[in-house]
Amino acid sequence: MQPKHMRGKSTGSRVLTGVLSVLVVLLGALCILSWMILNDPNAGTSMPQPSDAAVSKVISASVAGKEVSLTPEEVSGWLNFLIQKDKNAPSGSEFTAVSVTAGEDGTADVYAPVRYGGKTFGVLMNVSPSFDQASEQMKFAVNSVRVGRLPVPVGFAMDYLEKGLPSLLARKDNTLACNTASLFRVDYSGASAQLRMTQMKLLNQLFVLQFRIQLGLTG
C-alpha cells in the first residue's frame, strides 16, 4: 500500500498525463483539419478564359427557334465573362473565376479558388441546375460543399460565401439563383432586343438552353 503523500503524487501525475493526452489529440485533429482544408485536390486546374462565344450560339439557335447545347467549358467561359463584366460585384469579391464540370447524374461540380486571409482555398460545390419559368431564374440547388478535402455543412458554407457572391447571383437558403431577365439585352438606336430564357436543363453532360426573342422600343 502506497503512503498518502505518494498516492497524491500518483493521482496528480495521472491527471497531468490525461490533460496532455487530450491536448495531443486536439492538436493532432487541428493538424489534420488544416491539412484537409489547405490540401486542394483541384489545385492547378486550368480556369477557362472569359468568353462570350456561347452567346453567338445562343442567338443563332434562338433566331431559328431551336434549343442550344453548351459544353461545360463553354458555360465556364461564359460565366467567367459575366463575373468579369459584373461592375456591381462586392469589393474584393472572392469569386473571380469558376470551372464547371457536368456529371452523369444530372448534377454539376463548380470549382472556384477563393482568397481569404492571404491564402487560397479550393471550394468545390455540387449543384443541381434548374430553371424557374415564373421568375425567369436559373437556380442551382447546392447539394454539397468541400473546402480542399474537407466536407463542409452546406448552410455554414453558404453563410460565408454569400458575402462574396457576384451581384448576378443571389442566395435563398441552400440555392443560388441568377435572374436571366437582363442578361441578354441589347439597346440600339431606340430599339431593344431581349433574349428571354424559357428552358435550362442538364442532359447527357450538356447544358441545354432555349430562348425566345423579344423586341421593343427604348425611351
Protein backbone atom coordinates (compact mmCIF):
# COMPACT_ATOMS: atom_id res chain seq x y z
CA MET A 1 0.00 0.00 0.00
CA GLN A 2 1.38 3.44 -1.04
CA PRO A 3 1.89 6.18 1.57
CA LYS A 4 -0.59 9.06 1.40
CA HIS A 5 1.96 11.52 0.01
CA MET A 6 2.85 9.05 -2.76
CA ARG A 7 -0.81 8.48 -3.65
CA GLY A 8 -1.27 12.23 -4.11
CA LYS A 9 1.67 12.43 -6.47
CA SER A 10 0.41 9.43 -8.42
CA THR A 11 -3.06 10.97 -8.83
CA GLY A 12 -1.59 14.30 -9.93
CA SER A 13 0.64 12.54 -12.43
CA ARG A 14 -2.33 10.68 -13.93
CA VAL A 15 -4.32 13.92 -14.26
CA LEU A 16 -1.38 15.66 -15.94
CA THR A 17 -0.93 12.72 -18.28
CA GLY A 18 -4.65 12.80 -19.13
CA VAL A 19 -4.60 16.55 -19.86
CA LEU A 20 -1.51 16.21 -22.05
CA SER A 21 -3.11 13.31 -23.92
CA VAL A 22 -6.21 15.39 -24.65
CA LEU A 23 -4.06 18.30 -25.85
CA VAL A 24 -2.09 15.98 -28.14
CA VAL A 25 -5.33 14.57 -29.60
CA LEU A 26 -6.74 18.08 -30.15
CA LEU A 27 -3.51 19.27 -31.73
CA GLY A 28 -3.47 16.23 -34.00
CA ALA A 29 -7.10 16.85 -35.01
CA LEU A 30 -6.34 20.50 -35.80
CA CYS A 31 -3.36 19.49 -37.90
CA ILE A 32 -5.50 17.00 -39.84
CA LEU A 33 -8.26 19.59 -40.39
CA SER A 34 -5.72 22.17 -41.55
CA TRP A 35 -4.20 19.68 -43.97
CA MET A 36 -7.63 18.73 -45.35
CA ILE A 37 -8.61 22.39 -45.84
CA LEU A 38 -5.33 23.52 -47.42
CA ASN A 39 -4.77 20.38 -49.49
CA ASP A 40 -6.73 21.18 -52.64
CA PRO A 41 -7.04 18.18 -54.99
CA ASN A 42 -8.10 20.58 -57.77
CA ALA A 43 -5.16 22.95 -57.33
CA GLY A 44 -3.64 23.77 -60.69
CA THR A 45 -6.94 23.32 -62.53
CA SER A 46 -6.85 25.42 -65.69
CA MET A 47 -9.60 28.02 -65.29
CA PRO A 48 -11.45 28.71 -68.58
CA GLN A 49 -10.78 32.14 -70.03
CA PRO A 50 -13.68 34.61 -70.01
CA SER A 51 -15.50 34.32 -73.32
CA ASP A 52 -18.86 35.31 -74.75
CA ALA A 53 -18.54 32.83 -77.64
CA ALA A 54 -21.53 30.93 -76.24
CA VAL A 55 -23.73 33.97 -76.83
CA SER A 56 -23.42 33.71 -80.63
CA LYS A 57 -24.54 30.07 -80.44
CA VAL A 58 -27.47 31.10 -78.27
CA ILE A 59 -28.51 33.88 -80.67
CA SER A 60 -28.29 31.66 -83.76
CA ALA A 61 -30.41 28.95 -82.12
CA SER A 62 -32.93 31.50 -80.82
CA VAL A 63 -33.43 33.03 -84.26
CA ALA A 64 -34.11 29.54 -85.60
CA GLY A 65 -36.41 28.76 -82.67
CA LYS A 66 -34.25 25.84 -81.56
CA GLU A 67 -32.59 24.59 -78.39
CA VAL A 68 -28.86 25.13 -77.99
CA SER A 69 -26.45 22.77 -76.23
CA LEU A 70 -23.42 24.22 -74.44
CA THR A 71 -20.48 22.23 -73.11
CA PRO A 72 -19.33 22.75 -69.51
CA GLU A 73 -16.25 24.52 -70.92
CA GLU A 74 -18.43 26.98 -72.87
CA VAL A 75 -20.59 27.58 -69.80
CA SER A 76 -17.47 28.14 -67.67
CA GLY A 77 -16.09 30.70 -70.12
CA TRP A 78 -19.44 32.46 -70.31
CA LEU A 79 -19.82 32.60 -66.52
CA ASN A 80 -16.29 33.96 -66.16
CA PHE A 81 -17.13 36.60 -68.79
CA LEU A 82 -20.20 37.64 -66.78
CA ILE A 83 -18.25 37.64 -63.50
CA GLN A 84 -15.51 39.79 -65.01
CA LYS A 85 -18.08 42.12 -66.55
CA ASP A 86 -20.01 42.47 -63.30
CA LYS A 87 -19.28 46.02 -62.19
CA ASN A 88 -21.59 45.71 -59.18
CA ALA A 89 -19.64 42.86 -57.58
CA PRO A 90 -18.68 43.42 -53.92
CA SER A 91 -15.25 44.99 -53.48
CA GLY A 92 -12.75 42.16 -53.22
CA SER A 93 -15.33 39.58 -54.29
CA GLU A 94 -13.98 36.12 -53.55
CA PHE A 95 -15.33 34.74 -56.84
CA THR A 96 -13.10 35.77 -59.72
CA ALA A 97 -13.37 32.62 -61.87
CA VAL A 98 -15.11 29.25 -61.90
CA SER A 99 -14.70 25.93 -63.65
CA VAL A 100 -17.78 23.78 -64.31
CA THR A 101 -17.87 20.03 -64.95
CA ALA A 102 -21.03 18.02 -65.57
CA GLY A 103 -21.81 14.65 -64.04
CA GLU A 104 -23.81 11.79 -65.48
CA ASP A 105 -26.35 12.10 -62.66
CA GLY A 106 -27.69 15.48 -63.79
CA THR A 107 -25.61 17.47 -61.29
CA ALA A 108 -22.64 19.73 -61.93
CA ASP A 109 -19.47 20.45 -59.97
CA VAL A 110 -18.49 24.11 -59.71
CA TYR A 111 -14.90 24.73 -58.63
CA ALA A 112 -13.64 28.15 -57.53
CA PRO A 113 -10.36 29.22 -55.93
CA VAL A 114 -11.30 31.59 -53.10
CA ARG A 115 -8.89 34.07 -51.48
CA TYR A 116 -9.20 34.59 -47.73
CA GLY A 117 -6.69 35.84 -45.18
CA GLY A 118 -3.90 35.87 -47.74
CA LYS A 119 -4.42 32.20 -48.61
CA THR A 120 -6.21 30.50 -51.50
CA PHE A 121 -8.77 27.81 -50.70
CA GLY A 122 -10.25 25.49 -53.29
CA VAL A 123 -14.06 25.41 -52.97
CA LEU A 124 -15.98 22.69 -54.79
CA MET A 125 -19.78 22.80 -54.89
CA ASN A 126 -22.01 20.10 -56.30
CA VAL A 127 -25.22 21.66 -57.63
CA SER A 128 -28.45 20.61 -59.30
CA PRO A 129 -29.35 23.16 -62.02
CA SER A 130 -32.94 24.01 -62.96
CA PHE A 131 -34.96 26.86 -64.45
CA ASP A 132 -37.94 28.62 -62.87
CA GLN A 133 -40.12 29.96 -65.69
CA ALA A 134 -42.26 32.11 -63.40
CA SER A 135 -39.31 34.15 -62.10
CA GLU A 136 -37.08 33.62 -65.16
CA GLN A 137 -34.32 32.47 -62.86
CA MET A 138 -31.65 29.85 -63.28
CA LYS A 139 -31.47 28.01 -59.97
CA PHE A 140 -28.66 25.91 -58.56
CA ALA A 141 -29.53 23.84 -55.52
CA VAL A 142 -26.29 23.26 -53.61
CA ASN A 143 -26.04 19.60 -52.62
CA SER A 144 -22.60 19.58 -51.04
CA VAL A 145 -19.57 21.78 -50.43
CA ARG A 146 -15.92 20.89 -49.93
CA VAL A 147 -13.09 23.20 -48.94
CA GLY A 148 -9.96 21.42 -50.04
CA ARG A 149 -10.66 17.83 -49.00
CA LEU A 150 -12.89 18.77 -46.07
CA PRO A 151 -16.70 18.38 -46.41
CA VAL A 152 -18.41 21.47 -45.01
CA PRO A 153 -22.09 21.79 -43.97
CA VAL A 154 -23.90 23.47 -46.87
CA GLY A 155 -25.68 26.07 -44.74
CA PHE A 156 -22.45 27.08 -42.98
CA ALA A 157 -20.60 27.39 -46.30
CA MET A 158 -23.43 29.41 -47.86
CA ASP A 159 -23.44 31.85 -44.92
CA TYR A 160 -19.81 32.65 -45.65
CA LEU A 161 -19.88 32.56 -49.46
CA GLU A 162 -22.96 34.79 -49.63
CA LYS A 163 -20.85 37.81 -48.65
CA GLY A 164 -18.63 37.50 -51.72
CA LEU A 165 -21.12 36.45 -54.38
CA PRO A 166 -21.09 38.42 -57.64
CA SER A 167 -24.20 40.57 -57.92
CA LEU A 168 -25.66 38.43 -60.70
CA LEU A 169 -26.19 35.67 -58.10
CA ALA A 170 -28.49 35.71 -55.09
CA ARG A 171 -28.79 33.19 -52.29
CA LYS A 172 -32.00 31.75 -50.94
CA ASP A 173 -31.46 29.09 -48.29
CA ASN A 174 -29.20 26.50 -49.94
CA THR A 175 -29.95 27.61 -53.50
CA LEU A 176 -28.17 30.11 -55.74
CA ALA A 177 -30.36 31.98 -58.22
CA CYS A 178 -29.49 34.01 -61.29
CA ASN A 179 -32.06 36.38 -62.79
CA THR A 180 -31.86 35.98 -66.57
CA ALA A 181 -34.28 38.80 -67.47
CA SER A 182 -31.50 41.35 -68.02
CA LEU A 183 -28.61 39.12 -69.05
CA PHE A 184 -29.29 39.19 -72.80
CA ARG A 185 -30.47 42.68 -73.65
CA VAL A 186 -29.13 44.86 -76.46
CA ASP A 187 -30.21 48.50 -76.96
CA TYR A 188 -29.56 50.26 -80.27
CA SER A 189 -30.99 53.42 -81.87
CA GLY A 190 -34.13 53.49 -79.72
CA ALA A 191 -34.84 49.78 -80.14
CA SER A 192 -34.09 46.82 -77.87
CA ALA A 193 -33.68 43.12 -78.40
CA GLN A 194 -34.04 40.75 -75.47
CA LEU A 195 -33.42 37.02 -75.29
CA ARG A 196 -35.78 35.54 -72.69
CA MET A 197 -34.75 32.17 -71.35
CA THR A 198 -37.52 29.57 -71.38
CA GLN A 199 -35.61 26.41 -70.56
CA MET A 200 -32.42 25.13 -68.96
CA LYS A 201 -31.55 21.54 -68.17
CA LEU A 202 -28.50 19.35 -67.84
CA LEU A 203 -28.75 16.43 -70.23
CA ASN A 204 -26.01 13.99 -71.24
CA GLN A 205 -23.43 16.26 -69.59
CA LEU A 206 -24.50 19.21 -71.76
CA PHE A 207 -26.40 22.34 -70.72
CA VAL A 208 -29.48 22.52 -72.94
CA LEU A 209 -30.97 26.03 -73.20
CA GLN A 210 -33.82 27.61 -75.09
CA PHE A 211 -34.71 31.29 -75.55
CA ARG A 212 -37.33 33.41 -77.28
CA ILE A 213 -36.59 36.79 -78.82
CA GLN A 214 -38.49 39.83 -77.56
CA LEU A 215 -38.25 43.12 -79.45
CA GLY A 216 -39.18 46.51 -78.06
CA LEU A 217 -38.60 50.25 -78.06
CA THR A 218 -36.47 52.18 -75.58
CA GLY A 219 -37.09 55.71 -74.43
